[in-house]
């Protein structure tokens, strides 16, 4: 995955590998990860308390001074047994989390849990690399890494991150600088509409079936979760049952990620421009609001949550957002263009042949006939066909909240958007005029 990319094509790319530590290495790594988690949580608690009690903000410098004081106390003297660089990086990660929060790119930082695994980051001064062996600070021998692929020739890692996931697997992520060569330009563009019956439907009529990885392992997962519920918390049996559940969930996540990587790579290689819809997955999988009983304020009426639970499970299992994230950095990697159409655009309501808006349709309507041109459409294929034409118009519609309805994300991290088709708008132009010109532009030639 590309982290950052300069204008000359040099990118920072992270290579992730599985490794198998010795008992001595595992003991040191577990203590390092535990100390990093402790420092992160104590720093978060200190910054939260400073704001809630004294209405003061603690910055990175003051938090670093607190770390030095903690290491000098007798109670936390064990922090000196692990790499100081890894502890300092935990403070930097907390500072980055607060920066994302203040810039409205994330929620307020949360405390880290031991059951979720953990990670520790090492900068150049905390590891040695001789081209084929990686040795971390305070380790006598290199890590036993399973090299599933080779690093770029003459690669010089700038940082190394060791991760222990909830399934008990160890991974190392090596960040290197690499010159990325874009692919030859392709003369095609494709629109993608995402769904649950078919995961991805392209504007050329190709449909990719939804593999439903969670459903494939649902029986095994339910059995493991029921077994976990019977164990006493804190016991060894409970810990082993948790590990079994985590391994099943990791298998589901790995298969989903492999499927999305293969699909996104094929889409990016075959098309110069990729147009997708901006889906609010969090809102779509939200619980139904409670429905109070007007006759009895203490009781509630059925609100349909039982029926929606299966839909929410299918939405979260599909991985729509992960596909968009992969398309974003791969388009930048290969020199492609990613266009994101706003979620409020009625692609399923507008005929891709004549441009007539036929109104809203329930989800059970999978095919419909346009009353104007009498063309029969597949619901998802019609929506996918509308995306490239919408992009070609470069239109910028507005909702009553003054939020742009057409969001174009080109060579940017997901979440940061810009519109290369931006043009000065006529403030006196009527909404009716813009709508009619839009339908004319999106209409099929001839």
Protein backbone atom coordinates (compact mmCIF):
# COMPACT_ATOMS: atom_id res chain seq x y z
CA UNK A 1 0.00 0.00 0.00
CA UNK A 2 1.27 3.50 -0.88
CA UNK A 3 1.48 5.89 2.06
CA UNK A 4 2.68 9.05 0.28
CA UNK A 5 3.79 9.79 -3.26
CA UNK A 6 5.88 12.69 -4.59
CA UNK A 7 5.55 14.40 -7.94
CA UNK A 8 8.60 12.58 -9.36
CA UNK A 9 6.98 9.18 -8.86
CA UNK A 10 8.86 8.21 -5.69
CA UNK A 11 6.48 6.69 -3.16
CA UNK A 12 6.73 5.39 0.37
CA UNK A 13 5.36 1.88 0.26
CA UNK A 14 4.79 -0.57 3.11
CA UNK A 15 5.58 -4.28 2.58
CA UNK A 16 3.90 -6.60 5.09
CA UNK A 17 5.25 -10.05 5.92
CA UNK A 18 4.48 -12.83 8.38
CA UNK A 19 7.28 -13.78 10.78
CA UNK A 20 7.79 -16.39 13.47
CA UNK A 21 9.68 -15.14 16.55
CA UNK A 22 11.68 -17.32 18.91
CA UNK A 23 10.40 -17.63 22.51
CA UNK A 24 12.93 -14.98 23.64
CA UNK A 25 11.95 -12.62 20.81
CA UNK A 26 8.24 -13.15 21.45
CA UNK A 27 8.69 -12.35 25.13
CA UNK A 28 10.52 -9.10 24.31
CA UNK A 29 8.03 -8.12 21.61
CA UNK A 30 5.04 -8.78 23.86
CA UNK A 31 6.59 -6.65 26.59
CA UNK A 32 7.36 -3.91 24.07
CA UNK A 33 3.81 -3.90 22.71
CA UNK A 34 2.41 -3.89 26.25
CA UNK A 35 4.60 -0.94 27.23
CA UNK A 36 3.60 0.95 24.07
CA UNK A 37 -0.05 0.34 24.87
CA UNK A 38 0.48 1.52 28.46
CA UNK A 39 2.24 4.71 27.36
CA UNK A 40 -0.47 5.44 24.80
CA UNK A 41 -3.28 4.95 27.32
CA UNK A 42 -1.55 6.96 30.07
CA UNK A 43 -0.82 9.81 27.67
CA UNK A 44 -4.42 9.78 26.44
CA UNK A 45 -5.71 9.82 30.02
CA UNK A 46 -3.38 12.70 30.92
CA UNK A 47 -4.43 14.80 27.94
CA UNK A 48 -8.11 14.08 28.55
CA UNK A 49 -7.82 14.98 32.24
CA UNK A 50 -5.92 18.19 31.44
CA UNK A 51 -8.74 19.32 29.19
CA UNK A 52 -11.69 18.24 31.34
CA UNK A 53 -10.34 19.50 34.68
CA UNK A 54 -8.12 22.49 33.77
CA UNK A 55 -9.31 23.23 30.24
CA UNK A 56 -5.71 22.98 29.02
CA UNK A 57 -4.29 21.31 25.95
CA UNK A 58 -1.26 19.06 26.23
CA UNK A 59 0.87 18.98 23.11
CA UNK A 60 3.44 16.48 21.90
CA UNK A 61 6.35 18.14 23.73
CA UNK A 62 4.65 18.08 27.12
CA UNK A 63 3.49 14.49 26.61
CA UNK A 64 7.08 13.48 25.79
CA UNK A 65 8.27 15.09 29.02
CA UNK A 66 5.63 13.10 30.88
CA UNK A 67 7.02 9.92 29.30
CA UNK A 68 10.48 10.75 30.67
CA UNK A 69 9.05 11.29 34.14
CA UNK A 70 7.16 7.98 33.99
CA UNK A 71 10.34 6.10 33.09
CA UNK A 72 12.14 7.59 36.10
CA UNK A 73 9.54 6.40 38.60
CA UNK A 74 9.98 3.13 40.47
CA UNK A 75 6.48 1.98 39.59
CA UNK A 76 7.10 2.26 35.82
CA UNK A 77 10.82 1.50 35.75
CA UNK A 78 10.12 -1.53 33.53
CA UNK A 79 9.61 0.90 30.63
CA UNK A 80 13.41 1.11 30.42
CA UNK A 81 13.61 -2.59 29.51
CA UNK A 82 12.19 -2.01 26.01
CA UNK A 83 13.17 0.25 23.13
CA UNK A 84 12.72 3.95 23.92
CA UNK A 85 12.09 4.62 20.22
CA UNK A 86 8.99 2.42 20.24
CA UNK A 87 7.64 4.25 23.30
CA UNK A 88 8.28 7.62 21.69
CA UNK A 89 6.46 6.49 18.55
CA UNK A 90 3.40 5.65 20.66
CA UNK A 91 3.29 9.29 21.77
CA UNK A 92 3.60 10.37 18.13
CA UNK A 93 0.74 8.08 17.13
CA UNK A 94 -1.44 9.66 19.82
CA UNK A 95 -0.52 13.12 18.53
CA UNK A 96 -1.51 12.04 15.01
CA UNK A 97 -4.83 10.71 16.34
CA UNK A 98 -5.57 14.06 18.00
CA UNK A 99 -4.60 15.91 14.81
CA UNK A 100 -7.08 13.81 12.85
CA UNK A 101 -9.73 14.52 15.48
CA UNK A 102 -9.20 18.29 15.44
CA UNK A 103 -9.17 18.32 11.63
CA UNK A 104 -12.45 16.32 11.59
CA UNK A 105 -10.83 13.30 9.95
CA UNK A 106 -11.58 10.93 12.83
CA UNK A 107 -13.27 10.44 16.17
CA UNK A 108 -11.80 11.19 19.57
CA UNK A 109 -8.93 8.77 20.37
CA UNK A 110 -9.90 5.68 22.36
CA UNK A 111 -7.96 3.57 24.83
CA UNK A 112 -6.25 0.49 23.41
CA UNK A 113 -7.30 -2.96 24.60
CA UNK A 114 -4.97 -5.84 25.28
CA UNK A 115 -7.35 -8.34 23.67
CA UNK A 116 -7.06 -6.56 20.31
CA UNK A 117 -3.36 -7.34 19.97
CA UNK A 118 -1.13 -4.34 19.39
CA UNK A 119 1.82 -2.92 17.52
CA UNK A 120 5.18 -1.25 18.04
CA UNK A 121 7.01 1.01 15.57
CA UNK A 122 10.78 1.26 15.23
CA UNK A 123 12.59 4.04 13.36
CA UNK A 124 16.00 3.74 11.68
CA UNK A 125 17.92 4.09 14.93
CA UNK A 126 16.09 1.12 16.48
CA UNK A 127 16.76 -1.62 13.90
CA UNK A 128 19.48 -2.87 11.58
CA UNK A 129 18.98 -4.03 7.99
CA UNK A 130 21.72 -5.60 5.84
CA UNK A 131 19.62 -6.34 2.76
CA UNK A 132 18.21 -9.70 3.83
CA UNK A 133 18.13 -9.78 7.66
CA UNK A 134 16.15 -7.52 10.00
CA UNK A 135 17.17 -7.18 13.64
CA UNK A 136 15.25 -4.99 16.08
CA UNK A 137 16.59 -3.09 19.07
CA UNK A 138 17.65 -5.19 22.09
CA UNK A 139 17.48 -8.42 20.04
CA UNK A 140 20.45 -10.69 19.59
CA UNK A 141 19.33 -12.37 16.36
CA UNK A 142 17.29 -11.32 13.30
CA UNK A 143 13.61 -12.08 12.83
CA UNK A 144 12.57 -15.25 11.02
CA UNK A 145 10.55 -13.54 8.29
CA UNK A 146 8.60 -15.48 5.67
CA UNK A 147 9.53 -13.51 2.54
CA UNK A 148 6.41 -13.92 0.40
CA UNK A 149 7.83 -11.38 -2.08
CA UNK A 150 11.09 -9.53 -2.55
CA UNK A 151 11.76 -5.97 -1.51
CA UNK A 152 12.88 -3.47 -4.18
CA UNK A 153 16.57 -3.65 -4.99
CA UNK A 154 18.71 -1.38 -2.80
CA UNK A 155 15.73 -0.75 -0.51
CA UNK A 156 16.53 1.19 2.65
CA UNK A 157 13.72 0.85 5.20
CA UNK A 158 12.81 4.07 6.99
CA UNK A 159 10.61 2.44 9.64
CA UNK A 160 9.49 -1.00 10.78
CA UNK A 161 6.20 -1.82 12.51
CA UNK A 162 5.66 -5.11 14.33
CA UNK A 163 2.02 -6.17 14.78
CA UNK A 164 0.36 -8.88 16.86
CA UNK A 165 -3.24 -9.42 15.78
CA UNK A 166 -6.09 -10.87 17.82
CA UNK A 167 -5.56 -14.27 16.17
CA UNK A 168 -2.04 -14.49 17.61
CA UNK A 169 -0.22 -13.92 14.30
CA UNK A 170 2.92 -11.80 14.03
CA UNK A 171 3.46 -9.46 11.07
CA UNK A 172 6.16 -6.96 10.24
CA UNK A 173 5.54 -3.96 7.98
CA UNK A 174 8.64 -2.49 6.30
CA UNK A 175 8.35 1.04 4.91
CA UNK A 176 10.64 1.78 1.94
CA UNK A 177 10.93 4.36 -0.80
CA UNK A 178 10.19 3.02 -4.26
CA UNK A 179 10.01 4.53 -7.73
CA UNK A 180 6.55 3.74 -9.11
CA UNK A 181 6.22 3.47 -12.88
CA UNK A 182 2.67 4.23 -14.11
CA UNK A 183 0.98 1.86 -16.54
CA UNK A 184 0.45 2.76 -20.21
CA UNK A 185 -2.67 4.82 -20.70
CA UNK A 186 -5.87 2.93 -21.41
CA UNK A 187 -8.60 4.42 -23.56
CA UNK A 188 -11.51 3.10 -21.51
CA UNK A 189 -13.48 4.31 -18.53
CA UNK A 190 -15.82 2.29 -16.36
CA UNK A 191 -18.61 3.04 -13.92
CA UNK A 192 -19.15 0.72 -10.96
CA UNK A 193 -22.34 0.26 -8.98
CA UNK A 194 -22.02 -1.79 -5.79
CA UNK A 195 -24.70 -4.03 -4.30
CA UNK A 196 -25.31 -7.13 -2.21
CA UNK A 197 -26.70 -9.69 -4.67
CA UNK A 198 -23.93 -8.76 -7.12
CA UNK A 199 -20.97 -7.11 -5.42
CA UNK A 200 -19.90 -4.95 -8.37
CA UNK A 201 -21.78 -4.16 -11.59
CA UNK A 202 -19.85 -2.30 -14.28
CA UNK A 203 -21.19 -0.01 -16.97
CA UNK A 204 -20.36 -2.59 -19.66
CA UNK A 205 -22.77 -5.08 -18.05
CA UNK A 206 -20.21 -7.25 -16.25
CA UNK A 207 -21.36 -8.52 -12.86
CA UNK A 208 -19.12 -9.77 -10.05
CA UNK A 209 -20.92 -12.05 -7.63
CA UNK A 210 -20.85 -11.26 -3.93
CA UNK A 211 -18.78 -14.06 -2.30
CA UNK A 212 -20.34 -13.48 1.18
CA UNK A 213 -17.32 -14.75 3.09
CA UNK A 214 -18.93 -14.27 6.49
CA UNK A 215 -21.91 -16.37 5.45
CA UNK A 216 -19.60 -19.18 4.34
CA UNK A 217 -18.09 -19.42 7.83
CA UNK A 218 -21.21 -18.37 9.74
CA UNK A 219 -21.85 -21.81 11.22
CA UNK A 220 -18.28 -22.23 12.46
CA UNK A 221 -18.30 -18.70 13.87
CA UNK A 222 -21.60 -19.17 15.70
CA UNK A 223 -20.40 -22.43 17.23
CA UNK A 224 -17.15 -20.82 18.41
CA UNK A 225 -18.95 -17.79 19.84
CA UNK A 226 -21.42 -19.98 21.74
CA UNK A 227 -18.52 -21.96 23.13
CA UNK A 228 -16.87 -18.69 24.19
CA UNK A 229 -20.03 -17.51 25.96
CA UNK A 230 -19.94 -20.60 28.20
CA UNK A 231 -16.41 -19.95 29.46
CA UNK A 232 -15.62 -18.04 32.62
CA UNK A 233 -13.96 -14.71 31.87
CA UNK A 234 -10.31 -14.59 32.83
CA UNK A 235 -9.79 -18.35 32.64
CA UNK A 236 -7.42 -20.13 30.27
CA UNK A 237 -10.37 -21.80 28.56
CA UNK A 238 -11.88 -18.37 27.91
CA UNK A 239 -8.59 -17.16 26.43
CA UNK A 240 -8.34 -20.19 24.13
CA UNK A 241 -11.97 -19.78 23.05
CA UNK A 242 -11.36 -16.10 22.26
CA UNK A 243 -8.36 -17.07 20.16
CA UNK A 244 -10.45 -19.57 18.18
CA UNK A 245 -13.11 -16.94 17.44
CA UNK A 246 -10.42 -14.45 16.42
CA UNK A 247 -8.86 -16.95 14.01
CA UNK A 248 -12.18 -17.57 12.27
CA UNK A 249 -12.77 -13.83 11.96
CA UNK A 250 -9.22 -13.36 10.66
CA UNK A 251 -9.84 -16.04 8.02
CA UNK A 252 -12.98 -14.17 6.89
CA UNK A 253 -11.13 -10.85 6.77
CA UNK A 254 -8.14 -12.30 4.87
CA UNK A 255 -10.34 -13.90 2.20
CA UNK A 256 -12.32 -10.69 1.80
CA UNK A 257 -9.15 -8.63 1.47
CA UNK A 258 -7.68 -11.04 -1.09
CA UNK A 259 -10.87 -10.86 -3.17
CA UNK A 260 -10.94 -7.05 -3.08
CA UNK A 261 -7.25 -6.75 -3.95
CA UNK A 262 -7.65 -8.93 -7.04
CA UNK A 263 -10.81 -7.13 -8.16
CA UNK A 264 -9.45 -3.61 -7.62
CA UNK A 265 -6.16 -4.39 -9.36
CA UNK A 266 -7.96 -5.76 -12.42
CA UNK A 267 -10.28 -2.74 -12.61
CA UNK A 268 -7.41 -0.26 -12.36
CA UNK A 269 -5.22 -2.06 -14.91
CA UNK A 270 -7.98 -2.25 -17.53
CA UNK A 271 -9.41 1.30 -17.29
CA UNK A 272 -8.01 4.81 -17.37
CA UNK A 273 -10.90 6.33 -15.40
CA UNK A 274 -12.86 4.57 -12.66
CA UNK A 275 -16.18 6.08 -11.53
CA UNK A 276 -17.77 4.86 -8.30
CA UNK A 277 -20.54 6.01 -6.00
CA UNK A 278 -19.90 7.55 -2.59
CA UNK A 279 -21.77 5.21 -0.25
CA UNK A 280 -22.36 6.07 3.43
CA UNK A 281 -21.80 2.56 4.77
CA UNK A 282 -22.02 3.70 8.39
CA UNK A 283 -25.41 5.30 7.81
CA UNK A 284 -26.73 2.40 5.73
CA UNK A 285 -25.91 -0.11 8.48
CA UNK A 286 -27.30 2.02 11.30
CA UNK A 287 -29.85 0.57 13.71
CA UNK A 288 -33.49 1.52 13.33
CA UNK A 289 -34.75 4.23 15.65
CA UNK A 290 -36.97 3.09 18.55
CA UNK A 291 -40.68 3.51 17.89
CA UNK A 292 -42.54 4.49 21.08
CA UNK A 293 -46.10 3.34 21.59
CA UNK A 294 -48.37 6.43 21.67
CA UNK A 295 -50.90 4.61 23.85
CA UNK A 296 -48.29 3.43 26.37
CA UNK A 297 -45.15 5.62 26.71
CA UNK A 298 -43.30 2.85 28.59
CA UNK A 299 -43.58 0.39 25.68
CA UNK A 300 -42.24 0.35 22.13
CA UNK A 301 -43.73 -0.83 18.86
CA UNK A 302 -41.89 -3.10 16.38
CA UNK A 303 -39.47 -0.96 14.37
CA UNK A 304 -38.19 -3.52 11.85
CA UNK A 305 -34.75 -3.93 13.45
CA UNK A 306 -34.94 -7.73 13.33
CA UNK A 307 -35.40 -7.68 9.57
CA UNK A 308 -32.75 -4.99 9.09
CA UNK A 309 -30.15 -6.88 11.12
CA UNK A 310 -29.50 -9.30 8.26
CA UNK A 311 -29.20 -6.38 5.83
CA UNK A 312 -26.71 -4.63 8.12
CA UNK A 313 -24.67 -7.82 8.40
CA UNK A 314 -24.55 -8.15 4.61
CA UNK A 315 -23.49 -4.51 4.15
CA UNK A 316 -20.62 -4.76 6.62
CA UNK A 317 -19.52 -8.10 5.16
CA UNK A 318 -19.38 -6.77 1.59
CA UNK A 319 -16.45 -4.38 2.14
CA UNK A 320 -17.58 -1.51 -0.09
CA UNK A 321 -15.43 1.05 1.70
CA UNK A 322 -12.36 -1.16 1.53
CA UNK A 323 -12.77 -1.44 -2.24
CA UNK A 324 -12.91 2.34 -2.54
CA UNK A 325 -9.76 2.69 -0.41
CA UNK A 326 -7.89 0.20 -2.59
CA UNK A 327 -9.04 1.88 -5.79
CA UNK A 328 -7.89 5.25 -4.43
CA UNK A 329 -4.25 4.39 -3.80
CA UNK A 330 -3.95 2.02 -6.77
CA UNK A 331 -5.26 4.68 -9.14
CA UNK A 332 -2.57 7.02 -7.82
CA UNK A 333 -0.03 4.24 -8.08
CA UNK A 334 -0.75 3.34 -11.71
CA UNK A 335 -1.50 6.89 -12.94
CA UNK A 336 -5.25 6.37 -13.21
CA UNK A 337 -8.14 8.67 -12.29
CA UNK A 338 -10.73 7.90 -9.63
CA UNK A 339 -14.03 9.78 -9.75
CA UNK A 340 -16.47 9.54 -6.82
CA UNK A 341 -20.10 10.44 -7.54
CA UNK A 342 -22.06 11.83 -4.63
CA UNK A 343 -24.32 9.43 -2.76
CA UNK A 344 -27.42 11.60 -3.38
CA UNK A 345 -27.27 11.29 -7.16
CA UNK A 346 -30.37 9.25 -8.25
CA UNK A 347 -28.54 6.87 -10.58
CA UNK A 348 -31.20 4.16 -10.18
CA UNK A 349 -34.01 6.58 -11.08
CA UNK A 350 -32.65 8.13 -14.29
CA UNK A 351 -32.84 6.26 -17.58
CA UNK A 352 -29.36 5.80 -19.07
CA UNK A 353 -30.82 5.94 -22.61
CA UNK A 354 -33.01 9.05 -22.64
CA UNK A 355 -32.17 10.69 -19.30
CA UNK A 356 -35.72 10.74 -17.91
CA UNK A 357 -36.09 10.58 -14.12
CA UNK A 358 -38.65 7.85 -13.46
CA UNK A 359 -38.83 8.32 -9.68
CA UNK A 360 -37.87 6.20 -6.71
CA UNK A 361 -38.13 2.42 -6.84
CA UNK A 362 -38.24 -0.10 -3.98
CA UNK A 363 -35.26 -2.41 -3.54
CA UNK A 364 -37.20 -5.46 -4.73
CA UNK A 365 -37.53 -3.92 -8.22
CA UNK A 366 -34.43 -5.25 -10.03
CA UNK A 367 -35.58 -4.44 -13.61
CA UNK A 368 -37.81 -1.68 -14.97
CA UNK A 369 -38.96 -0.19 -18.28
CA UNK A 370 -38.60 3.50 -19.04
CA UNK A 371 -42.03 5.03 -19.85
CA UNK A 372 -40.45 7.55 -22.24
CA UNK A 373 -38.21 5.43 -24.50
CA UNK A 374 -39.60 1.98 -23.52
CA UNK A 375 -36.13 0.61 -22.81
CA UNK A 376 -35.91 -2.20 -20.26
CA UNK A 377 -33.07 -1.76 -17.78
CA UNK A 378 -31.36 -3.90 -15.21
CA UNK A 379 -31.42 -1.69 -12.12
CA UNK A 380 -27.73 -2.03 -11.24
CA UNK A 381 -26.40 -1.95 -14.82
CA UNK A 382 -28.40 1.21 -15.52
CA UNK A 383 -26.94 2.87 -12.41
CA UNK A 384 -23.40 1.88 -13.43
CA UNK A 385 -23.91 3.33 -16.92
CA UNK A 386 -24.96 6.67 -15.43
CA UNK A 387 -21.70 7.11 -13.50
CA UNK A 388 -19.30 7.74 -16.44
CA UNK A 389 -21.77 10.14 -18.08
CA UNK A 390 -22.21 11.98 -14.82
CA UNK A 391 -18.43 12.33 -14.64
CA UNK A 392 -18.28 13.58 -18.23
CA UNK A 393 -20.68 16.41 -17.40
CA UNK A 394 -18.48 17.66 -14.58
CA UNK A 395 -21.63 18.93 -12.89
CA UNK A 396 -21.76 20.37 -9.41
CA UNK A 397 -25.25 20.11 -7.96
CA UNK A 398 -26.11 21.26 -4.48
CA UNK A 399 -28.23 19.98 -1.68
CA UNK A 400 -30.11 22.34 0.64
CA UNK A 401 -27.19 21.99 3.08
CA UNK A 402 -24.88 23.57 0.48
CA UNK A 403 -22.90 20.33 0.20
CA UNK A 404 -21.60 19.57 -3.30
CA UNK A 405 -23.57 16.69 -4.83
CA UNK A 406 -20.81 15.68 -7.22
CA UNK A 407 -17.57 14.87 -5.41
CA UNK A 408 -14.57 14.05 -7.57
CA UNK A 409 -11.59 12.42 -5.85
CA UNK A 410 -8.51 12.38 -8.06
CA UNK A 411 -5.07 11.29 -6.89
CA UNK A 412 -5.88 11.95 -3.27
CA UNK A 413 -6.26 10.03 -0.08
CA UNK A 414 -9.84 8.88 0.45
CA UNK A 415 -11.61 11.67 2.27
CA UNK A 416 -9.72 14.53 0.57
CA UNK A 417 -11.54 15.51 -2.60
CA UNK A 418 -11.13 17.95 -5.42
CA UNK A 419 -12.96 18.52 -8.68
CA UNK A 420 -10.81 18.97 -11.81
CA UNK A 421 -13.94 19.95 -13.72
CA UNK A 422 -14.54 22.95 -11.45
CA UNK A 423 -15.78 26.03 -13.24
CA UNK A 424 -17.24 29.37 -12.24
CA UNK A 425 -20.94 29.07 -11.53
CA UNK A 426 -23.53 31.61 -12.54
CA UNK A 427 -25.26 32.61 -9.29
CA UNK A 428 -28.32 33.74 -11.23
CA UNK A 429 -28.77 30.43 -13.08
CA UNK A 430 -31.98 28.69 -12.13
CA UNK A 431 -32.15 25.18 -10.75
CA UNK A 432 -34.56 24.24 -13.53
CA UNK A 433 -32.10 25.37 -16.16
CA UNK A 434 -29.28 23.38 -14.63
CA UNK A 435 -31.44 20.27 -14.40
CA UNK A 436 -32.56 20.41 -18.02
CA UNK A 437 -29.03 20.97 -19.29
CA UNK A 438 -27.80 18.10 -17.12
CA UNK A 439 -30.36 15.67 -18.55
CA UNK A 440 -29.45 16.81 -22.05
CA UNK A 441 -25.75 16.23 -21.39
CA UNK A 442 -26.31 12.77 -19.88
CA UNK A 443 -28.59 11.64 -22.70
CA UNK A 444 -27.38 8.90 -24.99
CA UNK A 445 -26.11 10.32 -28.33
CA UNK A 446 -28.52 9.75 -31.20
